[in-house]
Amino acid sequence: MHAELLKLSTTRTFAALAGTAVAISLLITILVALLTEPTEKSVLSDVFTNDVSGVFILVLAVVGITGEWRHRTITSSLLAAPDRLRFLAAKTIAFAAAGLALSPLVSLAIAVVGFAILSARDLPTPEIGALAGQIARIALVSALLGGFGVAVGGLVRNQVVAVVGMLLLSFVVEPAVIGLVPEVGRYGPFVALPTAAVGMPEGDAGLGNVDLLPAGLAVALMLAWIGAAFGGGLALLRRRDVG
C-alpha cells in the first residue's frame, strides 16, 4: 500500500492530471459565476459542483494499472508482492485515496473563487453547511471512481484500449443509454450513479427525465460495480503470465 501511494504521488502523470483537473474546474466555475445569475436555490449546484477531479482520477487509475503491463513493471511489482489479490487491492485503495485527497482540494479552490465572484456581483451564495456536505459527497464519489478505474483497468491489459474504451463508455455509450432507455441508464457507473451519489438533480446534470436513484443506494451500487470489476480483474490477473 505504501509503495503504491509513493509511486502514485511521485509520477509526473499524477501531477499533470491533478493540475489539469484544478485548471478546468476553476475555469468552468469562473465562467458560470461570471456569465450566469444563479438563484439562492440553484447556486450550489450551478456554481459549486464543477469539480471534475473524479473524471481525471478515473483516467489516472486506468492508466496506473494498465501502465504496469505497458512498461513491463508488473513482473517486478509481483515479485515484490507475489499475492496478486493484495497487489490489486493495494492499487485500488491507493487510487481511491488519491481521489479522496484531490477532490476536496479542488472543491475548496472552487469554493474560494465562487464565493469571491458571487459576492462581488452581489449574488446569492450557499450556506457553509450545505457546501461542506456537497464537498464530502463529491470526494466520496471521486474515491469510488478511483477504485472503479483500477478495477476496470484490471480487465484490459492494453492501455490505449482501456482508456479510450472507458472514455467512450463515459461520454458516449452511457449517456446514449440514459437518453434512450433511462430506466436502464440510471444504473450506469460512469454518469448516472456518480451524479445520484453527489445528490445533484438530474435536470441540473443535463440528464433529461431520468429518475436518478437515492444517494445511498447509488453509492451501494457503485461499490457493487467496483466489486464485480475487481473480481473479474483479479481472476484474469491470476491466469495471466506476467513473466
Protein backbone atom coordinates (compact mmCIF):
# COMPACT_ATOMS: atom_id res chain seq x y z
CA MET A 1 0.00 0.00 0.00
CA HIS A 2 2.79 2.42 0.93
CA ALA A 3 4.66 1.58 -2.27
CA GLU A 4 1.58 2.22 -4.41
CA LEU A 5 0.92 5.59 -2.76
CA LEU A 6 4.57 6.57 -3.18
CA LYS A 7 4.53 5.50 -6.83
CA LEU A 8 1.34 7.45 -7.43
CA SER A 9 2.45 10.66 -5.72
CA THR A 10 5.83 10.83 -7.43
CA THR A 11 4.73 10.36 -11.04
CA ARG A 12 4.51 13.27 -13.45
CA THR A 13 1.24 11.90 -14.81
CA PHE A 14 -0.47 12.41 -11.45
CA ALA A 15 0.84 15.98 -11.14
CA ALA A 16 -0.19 16.80 -14.72
CA LEU A 17 -3.70 15.38 -14.38
CA ALA A 18 -4.20 16.97 -10.96
CA GLY A 19 -3.15 20.35 -12.32
CA THR A 20 -5.44 19.93 -15.32
CA ALA A 21 -8.36 18.99 -13.06
CA VAL A 22 -7.83 22.12 -10.97
CA ALA A 23 -7.49 24.37 -14.02
CA ILE A 24 -10.59 23.05 -15.81
CA SER A 25 -12.70 23.07 -12.64
CA LEU A 26 -11.74 26.67 -11.88
CA LEU A 27 -12.30 27.77 -15.48
CA ILE A 28 -15.81 26.33 -15.52
CA THR A 29 -16.57 27.88 -12.13
CA ILE A 30 -15.32 31.32 -13.19
CA LEU A 31 -17.34 31.28 -16.41
CA VAL A 32 -20.53 30.13 -14.70
CA ALA A 33 -20.16 32.61 -11.82
CA LEU A 34 -19.44 35.49 -14.19
CA LEU A 35 -21.88 34.78 -17.00
CA THR A 36 -24.95 33.49 -15.16
CA GLU A 37 -27.16 34.72 -12.34
CA PRO A 38 -27.87 31.70 -10.15
CA THR A 39 -30.69 31.86 -7.65
CA GLU A 40 -30.42 31.05 -3.97
CA LYS A 41 -31.95 27.65 -4.72
CA SER A 42 -29.73 26.78 -7.67
CA VAL A 43 -26.40 28.39 -6.76
CA LEU A 44 -25.00 25.32 -5.01
CA SER A 45 -25.48 23.02 -8.00
CA ASP A 46 -24.83 25.66 -10.65
CA VAL A 47 -21.53 27.10 -9.39
CA PHE A 48 -20.09 24.76 -6.79
CA THR A 49 -20.39 21.32 -8.42
CA ASN A 50 -17.78 21.87 -11.11
CA ASP A 51 -15.14 19.62 -9.55
CA VAL A 52 -14.03 17.39 -12.45
CA SER A 53 -11.31 15.63 -10.46
CA GLY A 54 -13.38 12.43 -10.42
CA VAL A 55 -13.05 12.09 -14.20
CA PHE A 56 -9.30 12.61 -14.04
CA ILE A 57 -8.87 10.16 -11.15
CA LEU A 58 -10.83 7.61 -13.18
CA VAL A 59 -8.47 8.09 -16.14
CA LEU A 60 -5.41 8.10 -13.90
CA ALA A 61 -6.49 4.84 -12.25
CA VAL A 62 -6.95 3.11 -15.60
CA VAL A 63 -3.55 4.43 -16.74
CA GLY A 64 -1.97 3.35 -13.45
CA ILE A 65 -2.98 -0.29 -13.62
CA THR A 66 -2.58 -0.76 -17.38
CA GLY A 67 0.79 1.03 -17.24
CA GLU A 68 2.11 -1.93 -15.25
CA TRP A 69 1.67 -4.03 -18.38
CA ARG A 70 2.72 -1.35 -20.86
CA HIS A 71 6.01 -0.60 -19.10
CA ARG A 72 6.63 -4.23 -18.06
CA THR A 73 6.75 -3.32 -14.36
CA ILE A 74 4.10 -5.88 -13.48
CA THR A 75 6.76 -8.57 -13.09
CA SER A 76 8.86 -6.66 -10.58
CA SER A 77 5.73 -5.48 -8.76
CA LEU A 78 4.54 -9.06 -8.29
CA LEU A 79 8.00 -10.25 -7.34
CA ALA A 80 7.95 -7.69 -4.52
CA ALA A 81 4.37 -8.62 -3.56
CA PRO A 82 3.54 -12.08 -5.00
CA ASP A 83 0.00 -12.12 -3.63
CA ARG A 84 -1.99 -10.85 -6.61
CA LEU A 85 -5.05 -10.12 -4.51
CA ARG A 86 -3.00 -7.83 -2.26
CA PHE A 87 -1.38 -6.22 -5.31
CA LEU A 88 -4.70 -5.34 -6.96
CA ALA A 89 -6.31 -4.35 -3.65
CA ALA A 90 -3.39 -2.03 -2.82
CA LYS A 91 -3.73 -0.29 -6.18
CA THR A 92 -7.48 0.04 -5.77
CA ILE A 93 -7.16 1.56 -2.31
CA ALA A 94 -4.30 3.86 -3.39
CA PHE A 95 -6.27 5.40 -6.24
CA ALA A 96 -9.39 5.66 -4.11
CA ALA A 97 -7.28 7.53 -1.54
CA ALA A 98 -5.94 9.77 -4.31
CA GLY A 99 -9.48 10.70 -5.30
CA LEU A 100 -10.42 11.30 -1.70
CA ALA A 101 -7.41 13.60 -1.24
CA LEU A 102 -7.52 15.51 -4.53
CA SER A 103 -11.24 16.25 -4.73
CA PRO A 104 -11.57 18.35 -1.55
CA LEU A 105 -8.61 20.49 -2.63
CA VAL A 106 -10.25 21.18 -5.98
CA SER A 107 -13.62 21.80 -4.33
CA LEU A 108 -12.10 24.23 -1.83
CA ALA A 109 -10.44 26.16 -4.66
CA ILE A 110 -13.80 26.29 -6.43
CA ALA A 111 -15.47 27.49 -3.23
CA VAL A 112 -12.99 30.34 -2.73
CA VAL A 113 -13.30 31.53 -6.32
CA GLY A 114 -17.05 31.05 -6.45
CA PHE A 115 -17.70 32.95 -3.23
CA ALA A 116 -15.39 35.78 -4.33
CA ILE A 117 -17.11 36.27 -7.69
CA LEU A 118 -20.67 35.88 -6.45
CA SER A 119 -20.06 38.23 -3.51
CA ALA A 120 -18.56 40.83 -5.83
CA ARG A 121 -21.64 40.56 -8.07
CA ASP A 122 -23.97 40.70 -5.04
CA LEU A 123 -25.47 37.32 -5.92
CA PRO A 124 -26.59 34.55 -3.52
CA THR A 125 -24.04 32.17 -2.03
CA PRO A 126 -24.77 28.76 -0.48
CA GLU A 127 -24.79 28.00 3.23
CA ILE A 128 -21.47 26.71 4.54
CA GLY A 129 -23.06 23.55 5.92
CA ALA A 130 -24.68 22.65 2.61
CA LEU A 131 -21.44 23.36 0.75
CA ALA A 132 -19.41 21.22 3.16
CA GLY A 133 -21.82 18.34 2.72
CA GLN A 134 -21.57 18.61 -1.03
CA ILE A 135 -17.75 18.68 -0.92
CA ALA A 136 -17.82 15.50 1.16
CA ARG A 137 -20.17 13.76 -1.28
CA ILE A 138 -18.06 14.75 -4.29
CA ALA A 139 -14.93 13.49 -2.52
CA LEU A 140 -16.62 10.15 -1.84
CA VAL A 141 -17.60 9.82 -5.50
CA SER A 142 -14.04 10.65 -6.60
CA ALA A 143 -12.75 7.91 -4.30
CA LEU A 144 -15.24 5.43 -5.75
CA LEU A 145 -14.27 6.38 -9.30
CA GLY A 146 -10.59 5.92 -8.45
CA GLY A 147 -11.23 2.42 -7.18
CA PHE A 148 -13.51 1.65 -10.12
CA GLY A 149 -10.86 2.80 -12.58
CA VAL A 150 -8.35 0.31 -11.21
CA ALA A 151 -10.93 -2.46 -11.28
CA VAL A 152 -11.90 -1.70 -14.89
CA GLY A 153 -8.26 -1.33 -15.93
CA GLY A 154 -7.57 -4.75 -14.45
CA LEU A 155 -9.86 -6.26 -17.07
CA VAL A 156 -7.92 -4.87 -20.06
CA ARG A 157 -4.13 -5.01 -20.38
CA ASN A 158 -3.81 -2.66 -23.36
CA GLN A 159 -3.57 0.90 -22.02
CA VAL A 160 -4.87 2.69 -25.11
CA VAL A 161 -7.83 0.34 -25.50
CA ALA A 162 -8.66 0.65 -21.80
CA VAL A 163 -8.52 4.46 -21.70
CA VAL A 164 -10.35 5.01 -25.00
CA GLY A 165 -12.96 2.40 -24.11
CA MET A 166 -13.56 3.96 -20.71
CA LEU A 167 -13.93 7.44 -22.23
CA LEU A 168 -16.36 6.13 -24.84
CA LEU A 169 -18.42 4.44 -22.14
CA SER A 170 -18.41 7.60 -20.03
CA PHE A 171 -19.16 10.22 -22.68
CA VAL A 172 -20.95 8.31 -25.47
CA VAL A 173 -22.39 4.92 -24.55
CA GLU A 174 -23.84 5.55 -21.10
CA PRO A 175 -25.32 8.98 -21.97
CA ALA A 176 -26.94 7.37 -25.02
CA VAL A 177 -28.41 4.60 -22.88
CA ILE A 178 -29.67 7.20 -20.39
CA GLY A 179 -31.37 9.09 -23.21
CA LEU A 180 -32.85 6.03 -24.93
CA VAL A 181 -33.58 3.70 -22.03
CA PRO A 182 -33.48 5.83 -18.85
CA GLU A 183 -34.80 3.05 -16.63
CA VAL A 184 -31.63 1.10 -17.51
CA GLY A 185 -29.25 4.04 -17.86
CA ARG A 186 -29.82 5.21 -14.29
CA TYR A 187 -27.79 2.21 -13.10
CA GLY A 188 -24.74 3.23 -15.13
CA PRO A 189 -21.48 3.53 -13.12
CA PHE A 190 -19.82 6.33 -15.10
CA VAL A 191 -22.52 9.03 -15.18
CA ALA A 192 -25.85 8.21 -13.55
CA LEU A 193 -24.72 6.63 -10.28
CA PRO A 194 -21.98 9.22 -9.56
CA THR A 195 -24.46 12.03 -10.27
CA ALA A 196 -27.01 10.45 -7.97
CA ALA A 197 -24.41 9.86 -5.25
CA VAL A 198 -23.46 13.55 -5.30
CA GLY A 199 -27.12 14.43 -4.88
CA MET A 200 -27.35 16.61 -7.97
CA PRO A 201 -30.80 16.93 -9.57
CA GLU A 202 -30.97 15.21 -12.94
CA GLY A 203 -32.08 18.41 -14.63
CA ASP A 204 -29.04 20.31 -13.38
CA ALA A 205 -26.80 17.46 -14.57
CA GLY A 206 -28.28 17.57 -18.07
CA LEU A 207 -29.64 14.02 -17.85
CA GLY A 208 -33.12 14.82 -19.05
CA ASN A 209 -36.01 12.97 -17.45
CA VAL A 210 -34.09 10.04 -15.98
CA ASP A 211 -35.23 9.19 -12.46
CA LEU A 212 -31.96 9.03 -10.51
CA LEU A 213 -31.61 6.69 -7.56
CA PRO A 214 -31.34 7.90 -3.95
CA ALA A 215 -27.78 8.85 -2.98
CA GLY A 216 -27.26 6.00 -0.52
CA LEU A 217 -28.44 3.36 -2.97
CA ALA A 218 -26.27 4.89 -5.71
CA VAL A 219 -23.18 4.57 -3.50
CA ALA A 220 -24.05 0.95 -2.71
CA LEU A 221 -24.44 0.14 -6.40
CA MET A 222 -21.14 1.88 -7.20
CA LEU A 223 -19.49 -0.42 -4.66
CA ALA A 224 -21.19 -3.37 -6.34
CA TRP A 225 -19.83 -2.31 -9.73
CA ILE A 226 -16.34 -1.98 -8.22
CA GLY A 227 -16.63 -5.41 -6.61
CA ALA A 228 -17.74 -7.05 -9.85
CA ALA A 229 -14.99 -5.44 -11.94
CA PHE A 230 -12.41 -6.13 -9.23
CA GLY A 231 -13.39 -9.81 -9.12
CA GLY A 232 -13.13 -10.12 -12.89
CA GLY A 233 -9.79 -8.32 -12.98
CA LEU A 234 -8.39 -10.49 -10.19
CA ALA A 235 -9.48 -13.69 -11.94
CA LEU A 236 -7.73 -12.57 -15.14
CA LEU A 237 -4.63 -11.44 -13.27
CA ARG A 238 -4.28 -14.84 -11.61
CA ARG A 239 -4.43 -16.58 -15.01
CA ARG A 240 -2.14 -14.21 -16.89
CA ASP A 241 1.54 -14.90 -17.38
CA VAL A 242 3.49 -11.85 -16.14
CA GLY A 243 6.94 -13.18 -16.87
